[in-house]
C-alpha atoms as a PDB file:
ATOM      1  CA  UNK A   1      -9.236   2.517  17.454  1.00  0.00           C
ATOM      2  CA  UNK A   2      -5.720   2.737  17.548  1.00  0.00           C
ATOM      3  CA  UNK A   3      -2.991   4.343  15.483  1.00  0.00           C
ATOM      4  CA  UNK A   4      -2.275   1.699  12.970  1.00  0.00           C
ATOM      5  CA  UNK A   5      -4.760  -0.748  14.058  1.00  0.00           C
ATOM      6  CA  UNK A   6      -6.853  -1.842  10.875  1.00  0.00           C
ATOM      7  CA  UNK A   7      -9.168  -4.530  12.693  1.00  0.00           C
ATOM      8  CA  UNK A   8     -12.424  -2.372  12.262  1.00  0.00           C
ATOM      9  CA  UNK A   9     -11.702  -1.077   8.647  1.00  0.00           C
ATOM     10  CA  UNK A  10     -10.688  -4.339   7.094  1.00  0.00           C
ATOM     11  CA  UNK A  11     -14.074  -5.118   5.485  1.00  0.00           C
ATOM     12  CA  UNK A  12     -13.818  -1.404   4.397  1.00  0.00           C
ATOM     13  CA  UNK A  13     -10.390  -1.831   2.430  1.00  0.00           C
ATOM     14  CA  UNK A  14     -12.051  -3.204  -0.569  1.00  0.00           C
ATOM     15  CA  UNK A  15     -12.963   0.306  -1.684  1.00  0.00           C
ATOM     16  CA  UNK A  16      -9.500   1.389  -1.730  1.00  0.00           C
ATOM     17  CA  UNK A  17      -7.657   2.136  -4.881  1.00  0.00           C
ATOM     18  CA  UNK A  18      -5.840  -0.439  -6.678  1.00  0.00           C
ATOM     19  CA  UNK A  19      -2.266  -0.017  -8.264  1.00  0.00           C
ATOM     20  CA  UNK A  20      -0.598   0.788 -11.567  1.00  0.00           C
ATOM     21  CA  UNK A  21      -0.293  -2.522 -13.835  1.00  0.00           C
ATOM     22  CA  UNK A  22       1.925  -0.403 -16.108  1.00  0.00           C
ATOM     23  CA  UNK A  23       4.237   0.632 -13.313  1.00  0.00           C
ATOM     24  CA  UNK A  24       4.285  -3.369 -11.769  1.00  0.00           C
ATOM     25  CA  UNK A  25       5.108  -4.382 -15.581  1.00  0.00           C
ATOM     26  CA  UNK A  26       8.160  -2.053 -15.825  1.00  0.00           C
ATOM     27  CA  UNK A  27       9.656  -3.148 -12.494  1.00  0.00           C
ATOM     28  CA  UNK A  28       9.042  -6.882 -13.643  1.00  0.00           C
ATOM     29  CA  UNK A  29      11.145  -6.022 -16.560  1.00  0.00           C
ATOM     30  CA  UNK A  30      14.355  -4.419 -14.819  1.00  0.00           C
ATOM     31  CA  UNK A  31      14.021  -7.748 -12.500  1.00  0.00           C
ATOM     32  CA  UNK A  32      14.381  -9.511 -15.606  1.00  0.00           C
ATOM     33  CA  UNK A  33      11.216 -11.818 -14.544  1.00  0.00           C
ATOM     34  CA  UNK A  34      11.155 -13.714 -18.106  1.00  0.00           C
ATOM     35  CA  UNK A  35      14.325 -15.199 -17.306  1.00  0.00           C
ATOM     36  CA  UNK A  36      13.095 -16.740 -14.383  1.00  0.00           C
ATOM     37  CA  UNK A  37       9.549 -16.849 -14.849  1.00  0.00           C
ATOM     38  CA  UNK A  38       8.553 -20.158 -13.240  1.00  0.00           C
ATOM     39  CA  UNK A  39      10.876 -19.922 -10.191  1.00  0.00           C
ATOM     40  CA  UNK A  40       9.991 -16.237  -9.491  1.00  0.00           C
ATOM     41  CA  UNK A  41       8.653 -15.708  -6.108  1.00  0.00           C
ATOM     42  CA  UNK A  42       7.002 -12.722  -4.610  1.00  0.00           C
ATOM     43  CA  UNK A  43       6.718 -11.974  -1.061  1.00  0.00           C
ATOM     44  CA  UNK A  44       4.113  -9.090  -0.453  1.00  0.00           C
ATOM     45  CA  UNK A  45       4.736  -7.828   3.289  1.00  0.00           C
ATOM     46  CA  UNK A  46       1.605  -5.985   4.748  1.00  0.00           C
ATOM     47  CA  UNK A  47      -0.489  -7.420   2.004  1.00  0.00           C
ATOM     48  CA  UNK A  48      -3.696  -6.262   3.758  1.00  0.00           C
ATOM     49  CA  UNK A  49      -6.883  -7.269   2.224  1.00  0.00           C
ATOM     50  CA  UNK A  50      -4.914  -8.188  -0.888  1.00  0.00           C
ATOM     51  CA  UNK A  51      -5.384  -5.254  -3.121  1.00  0.00           C
ATOM     52  CA  UNK A  52      -2.117  -5.415  -4.735  1.00  0.00           C
ATOM     53  CA  UNK A  53      -2.018  -9.050  -4.317  1.00  0.00           C
ATOM     54  CA  UNK A  54      -4.782 -10.132  -6.356  1.00  0.00           C
ATOM     55  CA  UNK A  55      -3.327  -7.553  -9.156  1.00  0.00           C
ATOM     56  CA  UNK A  56      -0.132  -9.642  -9.103  1.00  0.00           C
ATOM     57  CA  UNK A  57      -1.659 -13.154  -9.097  1.00  0.00           C
ATOM     58  CA  UNK A  58      -3.962 -11.806 -11.760  1.00  0.00           C
ATOM     59  CA  UNK A  59      -0.444 -11.578 -13.880  1.00  0.00           C
ATOM     60  CA  UNK A  60       0.065 -14.979 -13.475  1.00  0.00           C
ATOM     61  CA  UNK A  61       2.715 -14.319 -10.672  1.00  0.00           C
ATOM     62  CA  UNK A  62       3.339 -16.502  -7.500  1.00  0.00           C
ATOM     63  CA  UNK A  63       2.717 -14.800  -4.126  1.00  0.00           C
ATOM     64  CA  UNK A  64       3.414 -15.201  -0.583  1.00  0.00           C
ATOM     65  CA  UNK A  65       0.997 -12.668   1.294  1.00  0.00           C
ATOM     66  CA  UNK A  66       2.417 -11.894   4.747  1.00  0.00           C
ATOM     67  CA  UNK A  67      -0.168  -9.771   7.194  1.00  0.00           C
ATOM     68  CA  UNK A  68      -0.145  -9.209  10.921  1.00  0.00           C
ATOM     69  CA  UNK A  69      -3.399  -8.162  11.113  1.00  0.00           C
ATOM     70  CA  UNK A  70      -6.126 -11.346  11.745  1.00  0.00           C
ATOM     71  CA  UNK A  71      -9.335  -9.513  10.350  1.00  0.00           C
ATOM     72  CA  UNK A  72      -7.099  -7.925   7.669  1.00  0.00           C
ATOM     73  CA  UNK A  73      -5.534 -11.287   6.487  1.00  0.00           C
ATOM     74  CA  UNK A  74      -8.859 -13.043   6.573  1.00  0.00           C
ATOM     75  CA  UNK A  75     -10.676 -10.652   4.296  1.00  0.00           C
ATOM     76  CA  UNK A  76      -7.352 -10.990   2.119  1.00  0.00           C
ATOM     77  CA  UNK A  77      -8.022 -14.834   1.818  1.00  0.00           C
ATOM     78  CA  UNK A  78     -11.434 -14.331   0.823  1.00  0.00           C
ATOM     79  CA  UNK A  79     -10.382 -11.918  -1.933  1.00  0.00           C
ATOM     80  CA  UNK A  80      -8.041 -14.000  -3.686  1.00  0.00           C
ATOM     81  CA  UNK A  81      -9.561 -17.398  -2.769  1.00  0.00           C
ATOM     82  CA  UNK A  82     -10.202 -18.538  -6.459  1.00  0.00           C
ATOM     83  CA  UNK A  83      -6.061 -18.312  -7.053  1.00  0.00           C
ATOM     84  CA  UNK A  84      -4.152 -21.459  -6.446  1.00  0.00           C
ATOM     85  CA  UNK A  85      -0.704 -19.584  -6.416  1.00  0.00           C
ATOM     86  CA  UNK A  86      -1.027 -17.628  -3.264  1.00  0.00           C
ATOM     87  CA  UNK A  87      -0.296 -18.333   0.130  1.00  0.00           C
ATOM     88  CA  UNK A  88      -1.085 -16.454   3.339  1.00  0.00           C
ATOM     89  CA  UNK A  89       1.007 -16.273   6.495  1.00  0.00           C
ATOM     90  CA  UNK A  90       0.863 -14.423   9.732  1.00  0.00           C
ATOM     91  CA  UNK A  91       3.903 -12.227  10.180  1.00  0.00           C
ATOM     92  CA  UNK A  92       5.014  -8.559  10.338  1.00  0.00           C
ATOM     93  CA  UNK A  93       7.815  -6.333   8.352  1.00  0.00           C
ATOM     94  CA  UNK A  94      10.309  -7.304  11.347  1.00  0.00           C
ATOM     95  CA  UNK A  95       9.524 -10.703  11.595  1.00  0.00           C
ATOM     96  CA  UNK A  96       7.927 -12.350   8.362  1.00  0.00           C
ATOM     97  CA  UNK A  97       8.378 -15.715   9.236  1.00  0.00           C
ATOM     98  CA  UNK A  98       9.620 -16.823   5.869  1.00  0.00           C
ATOM     99  CA  UNK A  99      12.696 -18.832   5.342  1.00  0.00           C
ATOM    100  CA  UNK A 100      16.039 -17.508   3.987  1.00  0.00           C
ATOM    101  CA  UNK A 101      16.633 -16.937   0.362  1.00  0.00           C
ATOM    102  CA  UNK A 102      13.549 -17.663  -0.894  1.00  0.00           C
ATOM    103  CA  UNK A 103      12.118 -14.532  -2.710  1.00  0.00           C
ATOM    104  CA  UNK A 104      13.123 -12.854  -6.009  1.00  0.00           C
ATOM    105  CA  UNK A 105      10.955  -9.769  -5.121  1.00  0.00           C
ATOM    106  CA  UNK A 106       9.785  -8.525  -1.749  1.00  0.00           C
ATOM    107  CA  UNK A 107       7.048  -5.528  -1.681  1.00  0.00           C
ATOM    108  CA  UNK A 108       5.079  -3.504   0.487  1.00  0.00           C
ATOM    109  CA  UNK A 109       2.229  -1.445  -0.786  1.00  0.00           C
ATOM    110  CA  UNK A 110       0.889   1.475   1.211  1.00  0.00           C
ATOM    111  CA  UNK A 111       2.696  -0.386   4.432  1.00  0.00           C
ATOM    112  CA  UNK A 112       6.203   0.262   4.802  1.00  0.00           C
ATOM    113  CA  UNK A 113       5.852   3.585   6.887  1.00  0.00           C
ATOM    114  CA  UNK A 114       4.251   1.234   9.804  1.00  0.00           C
ATOM    115  CA  UNK A 115       7.687  -0.854   9.736  1.00  0.00           C
ATOM    116  CA  UNK A 116      11.119   0.029  11.940  1.00  0.00           C
ATOM    117  CA  UNK A 117      13.355   0.431   8.671  1.00  0.00           C
ATOM    118  CA  UNK A 118      16.327  -0.597  11.001  1.00  0.00           C
ATOM    119  CA  UNK A 119      14.548  -4.178  11.570  1.00  0.00           C
ATOM    120  CA  UNK A 120      12.360  -4.611   8.244  1.00  0.00           C
ATOM    121  CA  UNK A 121      14.943  -4.003   5.816  1.00  0.00           C
ATOM    122  CA  UNK A 122      17.540  -6.855   7.364  1.00  0.00           C
ATOM    123  CA  UNK A 123      14.488  -8.809   7.587  1.00  0.00           C
ATOM    124  CA  UNK A 124      13.908  -8.495   3.754  1.00  0.00           C
ATOM    125  CA  UNK A 125      17.350  -9.036   2.925  1.00  0.00           C
ATOM    126  CA  UNK A 126      17.364 -12.082   4.643  1.00  0.00           C
ATOM    127  CA  UNK A 127      14.495 -13.750   2.775  1.00  0.00           C
ATOM    128  CA  UNK A 128      15.726 -12.319  -0.604  1.00  0.00           C
ATOM    129  CA  UNK A 129      17.546 -14.492  -2.932  1.00  0.00           C
ATOM    130  CA  UNK A 130      20.944 -12.817  -4.200  1.00  0.00           C
ATOM    131  CA  UNK A 131      19.974 -10.377  -6.886  1.00  0.00           C
ATOM    132  CA  UNK A 132      16.459  -9.847  -5.119  1.00  0.00           C
ATOM    133  CA  UNK A 133      14.945  -6.544  -4.891  1.00  0.00           C
ATOM    134  CA  UNK A 134      12.634  -4.718  -2.334  1.00  0.00           C
ATOM    135  CA  UNK A 135       9.869  -2.441  -3.523  1.00  0.00           C
ATOM    136  CA  UNK A 136       8.172   0.246  -1.280  1.00  0.00           C
ATOM    137  CA  UNK A 137       4.993   1.603  -2.789  1.00  0.00           C
ATOM    138  CA  UNK A 138       2.189   3.717  -2.236  1.00  0.00           C
ATOM    139  CA  UNK A 139      -0.604   5.205  -3.829  1.00  0.00           C
ATOM    140  CA  UNK A 140      -1.377   8.816  -2.682  1.00  0.00           C
ATOM    141  CA  UNK A 141      -4.282  10.888  -3.855  1.00  0.00           C
ATOM    142  CA  UNK A 142      -2.750  13.513  -6.258  1.00  0.00           C
ATOM    143  CA  UNK A 143      -5.272  16.344  -5.075  1.00  0.00           C
ATOM    144  CA  UNK A 144      -2.840  19.008  -6.486  1.00  0.00           C
ATOM    145  CA  UNK A 145      -4.528  18.690  -9.837  1.00  0.00           C
ATOM    146  CA  UNK A 146      -8.110  18.442  -8.380  1.00  0.00           C
ATOM    147  CA  UNK A 147      -9.791  21.660  -6.824  1.00  0.00           C
ATOM    148  CA  UNK A 148     -12.491  19.367  -5.783  1.00  0.00           C
ATOM    149  CA  UNK A 149     -10.653  16.949  -3.599  1.00  0.00           C
ATOM    150  CA  UNK A 150      -8.226  19.764  -2.239  1.00  0.00           C
ATOM    151  CA  UNK A 151     -11.652  21.490  -0.900  1.00  0.00           C
ATOM    152  CA  UNK A 152     -12.189  18.281   0.746  1.00  0.00           C
ATOM    153  CA  UNK A 153      -8.617  18.188   2.359  1.00  0.00           C
ATOM    154  CA  UNK A 154      -8.715  21.895   3.513  1.00  0.00           C
ATOM    155  CA  UNK A 155     -11.955  21.488   5.109  1.00  0.00           C
ATOM    156  CA  UNK A 156     -10.870  18.234   6.819  1.00  0.00           C
ATOM    157  CA  UNK A 157      -7.763  20.462   8.238  1.00  0.00           C
ATOM    158  CA  UNK A 158     -10.173  23.026   9.508  1.00  0.00           C
ATOM    159  CA  UNK A 159     -12.158  20.465  11.467  1.00  0.00           C
ATOM    160  CA  UNK A 160      -8.948  18.997  12.662  1.00  0.00           C
ATOM    161  CA  UNK A 161      -6.159  21.700  12.490  1.00  0.00           C
ATOM    162  CA  UNK A 162      -3.613  19.593  14.585  1.00  0.00           C
ATOM    163  CA  UNK A 163      -3.862  16.359  11.911  1.00  0.00           C
ATOM    164  CA  UNK A 164      -0.722  14.727  11.018  1.00  0.00           C
ATOM    165  CA  UNK A 165      -0.976  12.406   7.997  1.00  0.00           C
ATOM    166  CA  UNK A 166       0.935   9.095   8.699  1.00  0.00           C
ATOM    167  CA  UNK A 167       1.500   7.521   5.293  1.00  0.00           C
ATOM    168  CA  UNK A 168       2.032   7.767   2.351  1.00  0.00           C
ATOM    169  CA  UNK A 169       4.511   8.343  -0.569  1.00  0.00           C
ATOM    170  CA  UNK A 170       4.041  11.932   0.002  1.00  0.00           C
ATOM    171  CA  UNK A 171       7.821  12.229   1.320  1.00  0.00           C
ATOM    172  CA  UNK A 172      10.343  13.670  -0.759  1.00  0.00           C
ATOM    173  CA  UNK A 173      12.225  11.157  -3.291  1.00  0.00           C
ATOM    174  CA  UNK A 174      15.466  11.552  -1.574  1.00  0.00           C
ATOM    175  CA  UNK A 175      13.951  10.814   2.225  1.00  0.00           C
ATOM    176  CA  UNK A 176      12.676   7.103   0.674  1.00  0.00           C
ATOM    177  CA  UNK A 177      16.052   6.579  -1.132  1.00  0.00           C
ATOM    178  CA  UNK A 178      17.995   7.332   1.795  1.00  0.00           C
ATOM    179  CA  UNK A 179      15.890   5.131   3.978  1.00  0.00           C
ATOM    180  CA  UNK A 180      16.003   1.915   1.638  1.00  0.00           C
ATOM    181  CA  UNK A 181      19.855   1.953   1.619  1.00  0.00           C
ATOM    182  CA  UNK A 182      20.400   3.141   5.104  1.00  0.00           C
ATOM    183  CA  UNK A 183      21.082  -0.268   6.692  1.00  0.00           C
ATOM    184  CA  UNK A 184      23.300  -1.310   4.170  1.00  0.00           C
ATOM    185  CA  UNK A 185      21.179  -4.386   3.205  1.00  0.00           C
ATOM    186  CA  UNK A 186      20.359  -2.755  -0.197  1.00  0.00           C
ATOM    187  CA  UNK A 187      21.791  -0.710  -2.801  1.00  0.00           C
ATOM    188  CA  UNK A 188      21.128   1.371  -6.352  1.00  0.00           C
ATOM    189  CA  UNK A 189      17.697   2.391  -5.098  1.00  0.00           C
ATOM    190  CA  UNK A 190      15.434   3.913  -8.059  1.00  0.00           C
ATOM    191  CA  UNK A 191      12.296   5.837  -8.067  1.00  0.00           C
ATOM    192  CA  UNK A 192       9.119   5.410 -10.443  1.00  0.00           C
ATOM    193  CA  UNK A 193       5.774   7.178 -10.597  1.00  0.00           C
ATOM    194  CA  UNK A 194       2.857   7.201 -12.623  1.00  0.00           C
ATOM    195  CA  UNK A 195      -0.736   8.567 -12.690  1.00  0.00           C
ATOM    196  CA  UNK A 196      -3.603   6.692 -12.193  1.00  0.00           C
ATOM    197  CA  UNK A 197      -7.137   7.615 -11.964  1.00  0.00           C
ATOM    198  CA  UNK A 198     -10.284   5.608 -10.138  1.00  0.00           C
ATOM    199  CA  UNK A 199     -13.864   5.957 -10.891  1.00  0.00           C
ATOM    200  CA  UNK A 200     -15.825   5.649  -7.868  1.00  0.00           C
ATOM    201  CA  UNK A 201     -19.451   5.207  -6.939  1.00  0.00           C
ATOM    202  CA  UNK A 202     -20.615   7.613  -3.994  1.00  0.00           C
ATOM    203  CA  UNK A 203     -20.615   4.237  -1.980  1.00  0.00           C
ATOM    204  CA  UNK A 204     -17.627   3.131  -2.616  1.00  0.00           C
ATOM    205  CA  UNK A 205     -15.962   6.717  -2.373  1.00  0.00           C
ATOM    206  CA  UNK A 206     -17.090   6.975   1.168  1.00  0.00           C
ATOM    207  CA  UNK A 207     -16.056   3.643   1.803  1.00  0.00           C
ATOM    208  CA  UNK A 208     -12.487   4.367   0.821  1.00  0.00           C
ATOM    209  CA  UNK A 209     -12.846   7.299   3.609  1.00  0.00           C
ATOM    210  CA  UNK A 210     -14.242   4.980   6.294  1.00  0.00           C
ATOM    211  CA  UNK A 211     -11.045   2.618   5.623  1.00  0.00           C
ATOM    212  CA  UNK A 212      -8.753   5.948   6.652  1.00  0.00           C
ATOM    213  CA  UNK A 213      -7.087   5.072  10.048  1.00  0.00           C
ATOM    214  CA  UNK A 214      -4.991   7.767  10.724  1.00  0.00           C
ATOM    215  CA  UNK A 215      -7.590  10.601  10.570  1.00  0.00           C
ATOM    216  CA  UNK A 216     -10.242   8.722  12.455  1.00  0.00           C
ATOM    217  CA  UNK A 217      -7.632   8.066  15.505  1.00  0.00           C
ATOM    218  CA  UNK A 218      -6.736  11.876  15.584  1.00  0.00           C
ATOM    219  CA  UNK A 219     -10.149  13.308  14.978  1.00  0.00           C
ATOM    220  CA  UNK A 220     -11.951  11.203  17.636  1.00  0.00           C
ATOM    221  CA  UNK A 221     -15.471  10.094  17.157  1.00  0.00           C
ATOM    222  CA  UNK A 222     -17.349  13.569  17.193  1.00  0.00           C
ATOM    223  CA  UNK A 223     -15.120  15.454  14.407  1.00  0.00           C
ATOM    224  CA  UNK A 224     -14.839  12.057  12.316  1.00  0.00           C
ATOM    225  CA  UNK A 225     -18.478  12.155  12.095  1.00  0.00           C
ATOM    226  CA  UNK A 226     -18.330  16.035  10.909  1.00  0.00           C
ATOM    227  CA  UNK A 227     -15.705  15.061   8.778  1.00  0.00           C
ATOM    228  CA  UNK A 228     -18.079  12.351   6.934  1.00  0.00           C
ATOM    229  CA  UNK A 229     -20.919  14.644   6.887  1.00  0.00           C
ATOM    230  CA  UNK A 230     -18.963  17.283   5.035  1.00  0.00           C
ATOM    231  CA  UNK A 231     -17.664  14.592   2.585  1.00  0.00           C
ATOM    232  CA  UNK A 232     -20.974  13.572   1.993  1.00  0.00           C
ATOM    233  CA  UNK A 233     -22.584  16.874   1.111  1.00  0.00           C
ATOM    234  CA  UNK A 234     -19.527  17.668  -0.970  1.00  0.00           C
ATOM    235  CA  UNK A 235     -20.563  14.700  -3.358  1.00  0.00           C
ATOM    236  CA  UNK A 236     -24.511  14.713  -2.813  1.00  0.00           C
ATOM    237  CA  UNK A 237     -24.723  15.805  -6.529  1.00  0.00           C
ATOM    238  CA  UNK A 238     -22.251  13.495  -8.019  1.00  0.00           C
ATOM    239  CA  UNK A 239     -22.983   9.758  -9.429  1.00  0.00           C
ATOM    240  CA  UNK A 240     -19.501   8.821 -10.159  1.00  0.00           C
ATOM    241  CA  UNK A 241     -16.282  10.730  -8.311  1.00  0.00           C
ATOM    242  CA  UNK A 242     -12.941  10.948 -10.366  1.00  0.00           C
ATOM    243  CA  UNK A 243     -10.084  10.135  -7.889  1.00  0.00           C
ATOM    244  CA  UNK A 244      -6.754  11.028  -9.110  1.00  0.00           C
ATOM    245  CA  UNK A 245      -3.908   8.972  -7.765  1.00  0.00           C
ATOM    246  CA  UNK A 246       0.129   9.041  -8.074  1.00  0.00           C
ATOM    247  CA  UNK A 247       1.581   5.586  -7.876  1.00  0.00           C
ATOM    248  CA  UNK A 248       5.032   6.034  -6.442  1.00  0.00           C
ATOM    249  CA  UNK A 249       7.608   3.216  -5.872  1.00  0.00           C
ATOM    250  CA  UNK A 250      11.178   3.073  -4.460  1.00  0.00           C
ATOM    251  CA  UNK A 251      13.026  -0.304  -5.349  1.00  0.00           C
ATOM    252  CA  UNK A 252      16.413  -1.236  -4.249  1.00  0.00           C
ATOM    253  CA  UNK A 253      18.672  -4.552  -4.881  1.00  0.00           C
ATOM    254  CA  UNK A 254      20.186  -6.740  -2.204  1.00  0.00           C
ATOM    255  CA  UNK A 255      23.608  -6.145  -1.554  1.00  0.00           C
END
């Protein structure tokens, strides 16, 4: 497995957490969605297997979902196949394959950190209409409020001391605010966050861990198996695992 290659993890992505509908609704208010309504077009880049895509579709929104990985995109098509107002395309943050000036909102969920902002931000500005917005959103675990999850994270670091996480919305607010306006394509960056709790069965919780790319790559097979065994031991007496998240979003307006 290579860093950033999710081909072998695609079927596990169904186990990942969702995002906050409250946060999405508040972002839509700022974008004055109701005044545009039927013409409001979202382009979700790095849509993965459609976790956020489905939430947006269930809110009655129109989505063009762009995903570079074939396996992930196939899962996303299956996950959203009952909706008519969605189109799936192959493309990346740097080359979306989308026509100029068609999007009211471009959004990346848990994926902007995989792009080159010097190329992706101008690309997003190109496909956005005048007055359009770009949002980079993440849903990192809020392990600071949970001794249980903190212990698991500390045990992982003991097994892989050199581990460096690759995501994920845990960076400082100022850092992403700077990045989003760094190319001159966007302005007026603002930040929103909210708490989010997911209740997971043992199977789903382990499935969520099996969808993690960066730890698997850095740990290697032997240490990854040790990590999985450790987590399984930690949850053996639990029926439901409460997993706290902090949904975080940085949004900027097209210049």
